[in-house]
């Protein structure tokens, strides 16, 4: 299927993308955030930022994540209104022939986090970002929805899928949470701003390879935007967006969601508060997000 038709059917948003002018704006925001923590834009930007974040031995990652969850859970609950209880189980595994470094799943009030140690390279700040994204983002949000569904006859299907029109909200909010909750944490803000820019560059490659560009052509364009980019790893990232039917759809939600929620974090506090609280009470499609914030940016981009 044509990419726009396919993504609209599976994710509920378009794929118009973003202009070069807008990418330069987002790059400027990321540069400013990096400057604030003493990291220069260039080939060493990502490596230098990881040093600032604080290198973490892989064996210390589970405890660091638990400590971050304990620290940040009250902040997330205050912002979202969630009172749902949950039980977190963490497992360390070693699986070589898979792509994932960590995996979160669960049902009801059970949240399971699996850490694939051979694939993990954590930092101290990264553990806090991870706690927000995976445990207090996806985990607590899912448990909150399940708790409501246990009390009420809710209108949504109670088994989620990456093709259930909620992924823009789930992944977008999880990526942007530091901007809502920890705006004074300069290191986490820098990482979030840089990730936002990276996602928009990846969106360019997503559109390019689905419009007929070769993987090499798309990779060269990504390197032009991101001088620190690892081309060997990145070519597979690009190829997945063209060849894998699941990822061709699902990977679009990361730039689409990140951009919308990053801008929501800059909106008036009342609007942002309403979206966060609603998102922990019911799953939201892109159309739902637009109803909550009609003046927000176009989900999936306004086009070039």
Protein backbone atom coordinates (compact mmCIF):
# COMPACT_ATOMS: atom_id res chain seq x y z
CA UNK A 1 0.00 0.00 0.00
CA UNK A 2 1.13 3.60 -0.48
CA UNK A 3 2.85 4.78 2.68
CA UNK A 4 0.35 7.51 3.60
CA UNK A 5 -2.63 5.19 3.17
CA UNK A 6 -0.89 2.43 5.13
CA UNK A 7 0.14 4.63 8.07
CA UNK A 8 -3.27 6.31 8.24
CA UNK A 9 -4.89 2.88 8.46
CA UNK A 10 -2.49 1.52 11.07
CA UNK A 11 -1.46 4.59 13.09
CA UNK A 12 -4.15 7.17 12.41
CA UNK A 13 -1.96 10.00 11.10
CA UNK A 14 -0.41 11.21 7.88
CA UNK A 15 3.17 11.16 6.64
CA UNK A 16 3.60 14.61 5.15
CA UNK A 17 6.85 15.12 7.06
CA UNK A 18 8.66 18.30 8.02
CA UNK A 19 10.46 21.00 6.04
CA UNK A 20 14.20 21.61 6.06
CA UNK A 21 13.45 24.97 7.68
CA UNK A 22 11.70 23.23 10.58
CA UNK A 23 14.51 20.69 10.95
CA UNK A 24 17.01 23.55 11.18
CA UNK A 25 14.84 25.06 13.92
CA UNK A 26 14.77 21.78 15.87
CA UNK A 27 18.52 21.36 15.32
CA UNK A 28 19.00 24.84 16.79
CA UNK A 29 16.99 23.87 19.85
CA UNK A 30 19.09 20.73 20.27
CA UNK A 31 22.35 22.70 19.83
CA UNK A 32 21.29 25.17 22.50
CA UNK A 33 20.42 22.36 24.91
CA UNK A 34 23.79 20.69 24.25
CA UNK A 35 25.62 23.98 24.74
CA UNK A 36 23.96 24.31 28.13
CA UNK A 37 25.69 21.13 29.33
CA UNK A 38 29.02 21.82 27.61
CA UNK A 39 28.63 19.54 24.60
CA UNK A 40 29.62 20.75 21.13
CA UNK A 41 27.66 19.96 17.99
CA UNK A 42 29.71 17.71 15.72
CA UNK A 43 31.04 14.19 15.24
CA UNK A 44 31.53 13.68 18.98
CA UNK A 45 28.20 15.14 20.14
CA UNK A 46 26.49 11.91 21.14
CA UNK A 47 29.64 10.45 22.72
CA UNK A 48 30.31 13.63 24.69
CA UNK A 49 26.71 13.81 25.89
CA UNK A 50 26.92 10.23 27.16
CA UNK A 51 30.00 11.19 29.17
CA UNK A 52 28.10 14.11 30.70
CA UNK A 53 25.21 11.75 31.46
CA UNK A 54 27.59 9.57 33.49
CA UNK A 55 28.74 6.16 32.31
CA UNK A 56 27.10 3.27 34.14
CA UNK A 57 28.31 -0.30 34.45
CA UNK A 58 25.75 -2.64 32.91
CA UNK A 59 25.53 -4.62 36.14
CA UNK A 60 24.45 -1.49 38.01
CA UNK A 61 21.65 -0.67 35.56
CA UNK A 62 18.79 -2.54 37.33
CA UNK A 63 19.42 -0.82 40.67
CA UNK A 64 19.84 2.56 38.98
CA UNK A 65 16.49 2.13 37.22
CA UNK A 66 14.74 1.10 40.45
CA UNK A 67 16.21 4.12 42.26
CA UNK A 68 15.06 6.42 39.47
CA UNK A 69 11.55 4.94 39.54
CA UNK A 70 11.35 5.51 43.31
CA UNK A 71 12.54 9.11 42.87
CA UNK A 72 10.32 10.05 39.94
CA UNK A 73 7.10 8.11 40.57
CA UNK A 74 5.58 10.80 42.84
CA UNK A 75 6.33 13.42 40.18
CA UNK A 76 4.60 11.38 37.46
CA UNK A 77 1.59 10.61 39.64
CA UNK A 78 1.18 14.28 40.55
CA UNK A 79 1.23 15.27 36.87
CA UNK A 80 -1.05 12.52 35.60
CA UNK A 81 -3.40 11.91 38.51
CA UNK A 82 -2.74 8.17 38.41
CA UNK A 83 -3.38 6.27 41.64
CA UNK A 84 -3.13 2.77 40.14
CA UNK A 85 -0.94 0.28 42.00
CA UNK A 86 1.46 -1.95 40.07
CA UNK A 87 4.03 -4.66 40.62
CA UNK A 88 7.31 -4.31 38.74
CA UNK A 89 9.40 -7.35 37.88
CA UNK A 90 12.86 -6.85 36.35
CA UNK A 91 14.70 -9.65 34.56
CA UNK A 92 18.25 -9.64 33.22
CA UNK A 93 18.65 -11.83 30.13
CA UNK A 94 21.33 -12.44 27.50
CA UNK A 95 19.85 -12.96 24.03
CA UNK A 96 22.18 -12.26 21.11
CA UNK A 97 20.06 -12.85 18.01
CA UNK A 98 17.41 -10.17 18.64
CA UNK A 99 17.35 -6.43 18.02
CA UNK A 100 16.03 -5.31 21.39
CA UNK A 101 18.04 -4.09 24.37
CA UNK A 102 15.04 -3.96 26.69
CA UNK A 103 11.45 -5.10 26.57
CA UNK A 104 8.45 -4.06 28.63
CA UNK A 105 5.20 -5.98 28.78
CA UNK A 106 2.54 -6.96 31.27
CA UNK A 107 -1.15 -7.36 32.03
CA UNK A 108 -3.43 -6.00 34.71
CA UNK A 109 -1.25 -4.60 37.49
CA UNK A 110 1.82 -6.61 36.47
CA UNK A 111 4.68 -4.82 34.68
CA UNK A 112 7.66 -6.85 33.47
CA UNK A 113 10.89 -5.23 32.32
CA UNK A 114 13.50 -7.40 30.61
CA UNK A 115 17.04 -6.04 30.19
CA UNK A 116 19.05 -7.73 27.43
CA UNK A 117 22.51 -7.20 28.91
CA UNK A 118 24.66 -7.82 25.76
CA UNK A 119 22.79 -4.97 24.01
CA UNK A 120 22.70 -2.43 26.85
CA UNK A 121 24.90 0.64 27.22
CA UNK A 122 23.41 2.73 30.03
CA UNK A 123 24.30 6.06 31.59
CA UNK A 124 23.16 7.43 34.94
CA UNK A 125 20.95 10.03 33.27
CA UNK A 126 19.82 7.39 30.79
CA UNK A 127 18.55 5.25 33.67
CA UNK A 128 16.34 8.15 34.78
CA UNK A 129 15.11 8.71 31.23
CA UNK A 130 14.46 4.98 30.96
CA UNK A 131 12.51 4.94 34.22
CA UNK A 132 10.29 7.74 32.92
CA UNK A 133 9.82 6.28 29.43
CA UNK A 134 9.36 2.58 30.12
CA UNK A 135 8.23 2.09 33.72
CA UNK A 136 6.40 5.32 34.58
CA UNK A 137 5.42 6.05 30.98
CA UNK A 138 4.36 2.81 29.31
CA UNK A 139 4.10 0.72 32.49
CA UNK A 140 2.17 3.02 34.82
CA UNK A 141 0.04 4.34 31.96
CA UNK A 142 -1.00 0.83 30.91
CA UNK A 143 -1.71 -0.20 34.50
CA UNK A 144 -3.80 2.95 34.95
CA UNK A 145 -5.87 2.11 31.88
CA UNK A 146 -6.25 -1.49 33.04
CA UNK A 147 -7.39 -0.36 36.51
CA UNK A 148 -10.13 1.79 34.97
CA UNK A 149 -11.14 -1.01 32.63
CA UNK A 150 -11.51 -3.30 35.64
CA UNK A 151 -13.98 -0.86 37.22
CA UNK A 152 -15.93 0.32 34.19
CA UNK A 153 -17.31 -0.91 30.88
CA UNK A 154 -14.74 0.99 28.81
CA UNK A 155 -15.19 1.47 25.04
CA UNK A 156 -11.69 0.43 23.99
CA UNK A 157 -10.37 -3.04 23.19
CA UNK A 158 -8.40 -4.17 26.24
CA UNK A 159 -5.50 -5.73 24.37
CA UNK A 160 -3.14 -3.23 22.75
CA UNK A 161 -1.21 -3.61 19.53
CA UNK A 162 1.34 -1.41 17.80
CA UNK A 163 -1.31 -1.19 15.05
CA UNK A 164 -4.16 0.00 17.27
CA UNK A 165 -4.01 3.77 16.59
CA UNK A 166 -2.74 4.59 20.10
CA UNK A 167 0.99 4.35 19.42
CA UNK A 168 1.48 8.01 18.49
CA UNK A 169 0.23 8.92 21.96
CA UNK A 170 2.03 6.12 23.82
CA UNK A 171 5.46 6.65 22.26
CA UNK A 172 5.17 10.40 21.85
CA UNK A 173 4.35 11.07 25.48
CA UNK A 174 6.97 8.64 26.78
CA UNK A 175 9.69 10.36 24.73
CA UNK A 176 8.76 13.87 25.84
CA UNK A 177 8.06 13.26 29.55
CA UNK A 178 11.32 14.90 30.75
CA UNK A 179 10.22 18.22 29.21
CA UNK A 180 6.93 18.14 31.14
CA UNK A 181 8.24 16.87 34.46
CA UNK A 182 11.92 17.83 34.73
CA UNK A 183 12.39 21.04 32.70
CA UNK A 184 15.26 22.14 34.96
CA UNK A 185 17.26 18.94 34.46
CA UNK A 186 19.60 20.30 31.79
CA UNK A 187 21.13 16.90 30.94
CA UNK A 188 17.80 15.14 30.42
CA UNK A 189 16.48 18.11 28.46
CA UNK A 190 19.55 17.98 26.21
CA UNK A 191 19.03 14.27 25.55
CA UNK A 192 15.32 14.78 24.84
CA UNK A 193 15.95 17.70 22.49
CA UNK A 194 18.64 15.75 20.65
CA UNK A 195 16.39 12.69 20.37
CA UNK A 196 13.60 14.88 18.95
CA UNK A 197 15.93 16.08 16.21
CA UNK A 198 17.18 12.55 15.49
CA UNK A 199 13.62 11.28 15.13
CA UNK A 200 12.79 13.96 12.56
CA UNK A 201 15.91 13.09 10.55
CA UNK A 202 14.89 9.43 10.67
CA UNK A 203 11.47 10.50 9.38
CA UNK A 204 13.21 11.96 6.31
CA UNK A 205 14.82 8.60 5.61
CA UNK A 206 11.49 6.85 6.18
CA UNK A 207 9.85 8.98 3.52
CA UNK A 208 12.82 8.80 1.15
CA UNK A 209 13.17 5.01 1.01
CA UNK A 210 9.41 4.60 0.59
CA UNK A 211 9.52 7.05 -2.31
CA UNK A 212 12.19 5.07 -4.17
CA UNK A 213 15.49 6.34 -2.76
CA UNK A 214 18.16 3.75 -2.08
CA UNK A 215 19.27 2.92 1.45
CA UNK A 216 22.68 4.43 0.64
CA UNK A 217 21.11 7.67 -0.57
CA UNK A 218 18.95 7.96 2.54
CA UNK A 219 21.93 7.12 4.76
CA UNK A 220 24.06 9.82 3.15
CA UNK A 221 21.32 12.37 3.79
CA UNK A 222 21.13 11.32 7.46
CA UNK A 223 24.88 11.71 7.86
CA UNK A 224 24.67 15.22 6.41
CA UNK A 225 22.24 16.18 9.15
CA UNK A 226 23.84 14.18 11.99
CA UNK A 227 27.67 14.23 11.87
CA UNK A 228 27.88 11.84 14.84
CA UNK A 229 25.74 9.21 13.10
CA UNK A 230 26.83 5.55 13.03
CA UNK A 231 26.23 4.63 9.40
CA UNK A 232 26.74 0.89 9.90
CA UNK A 233 23.93 0.66 12.42
CA UNK A 234 21.89 3.32 10.72
CA UNK A 235 21.61 1.60 7.35
CA UNK A 236 19.63 -1.19 8.99
CA UNK A 237 17.44 1.43 10.68
CA UNK A 238 16.72 2.89 7.23
CA UNK A 239 16.18 -0.50 5.56
CA UNK A 240 13.65 -1.56 8.22
CA UNK A 241 11.48 1.43 7.33
CA UNK A 242 11.15 0.18 3.76
CA UNK A 243 11.19 -3.61 3.94
CA UNK A 244 9.52 -4.67 7.19
CA UNK A 245 5.69 -4.33 7.01
CA UNK A 246 5.45 -3.87 10.78
CA UNK A 247 8.27 -1.34 11.14
CA UNK A 248 7.28 0.52 7.97
CA UNK A 249 4.20 1.57 9.92
CA UNK A 250 5.25 1.47 13.56
CA UNK A 251 8.52 3.39 13.34
CA UNK A 252 6.67 6.44 11.99
CA UNK A 253 5.00 7.00 15.37
CA UNK A 254 8.30 7.97 17.01
CA UNK A 255 8.89 11.20 15.04
CA UNK A 256 5.15 11.91 14.75
CA UNK A 257 4.56 11.47 18.47
CA UNK A 258 7.77 13.10 19.64
CA UNK A 259 7.17 16.27 17.66
CA UNK A 260 3.58 16.71 18.83
CA UNK A 261 4.35 16.11 22.50
CA UNK A 262 7.53 18.21 22.52
CA UNK A 263 5.44 21.13 21.29
CA UNK A 264 2.70 20.32 23.82
CA UNK A 265 5.32 20.65 26.58
CA UNK A 266 5.79 24.25 25.40
CA UNK A 267 2.04 24.99 25.27
CA UNK A 268 -0.01 26.55 28.05
CA UNK A 269 0.02 24.58 31.27
CA UNK A 270 -3.73 23.97 31.28
CA UNK A 271 -3.71 22.24 27.89
CA UNK A 272 -0.67 20.13 28.73
CA UNK A 273 -2.16 19.14 32.08
CA UNK A 274 -5.44 18.07 30.46
CA UNK A 275 -3.70 15.89 27.88
CA UNK A 276 -1.44 14.16 30.43
CA UNK A 277 -4.29 13.41 32.80
CA UNK A 278 -6.55 12.16 30.02
CA UNK A 279 -3.76 9.97 28.59
CA UNK A 280 -3.54 8.07 31.90
CA UNK A 281 -7.33 7.51 31.93
CA UNK A 282 -8.00 6.42 28.34
CA UNK A 283 -5.98 5.53 25.24
CA UNK A 284 -5.92 8.39 22.74
CA UNK A 285 -5.82 8.24 18.96
CA UNK A 286 -4.33 11.07 16.88
CA UNK A 287 -7.86 12.39 16.32
CA UNK A 288 -8.39 12.43 20.09
CA UNK A 289 -5.17 14.39 20.56
CA UNK A 290 -6.29 16.98 18.02
CA UNK A 291 -9.61 17.40 19.85
CA UNK A 292 -7.73 18.01 23.09
CA UNK A 293 -5.37 20.52 21.46
CA UNK A 294 -6.89 21.86 18.23
CA UNK A 295 -4.15 24.46 17.85
CA UNK A 296 -1.34 21.91 18.05
CA UNK A 297 0.96 20.96 15.18
CA UNK A 298 -0.11 18.56 12.44
CA UNK A 299 0.59 15.03 13.61
CA UNK A 300 2.96 13.48 11.10
CA UNK A 301 4.11 16.87 9.87
CA UNK A 302 2.63 19.67 7.74
CA UNK A 303 4.73 18.80 4.70
CA UNK A 304 7.81 20.33 3.16
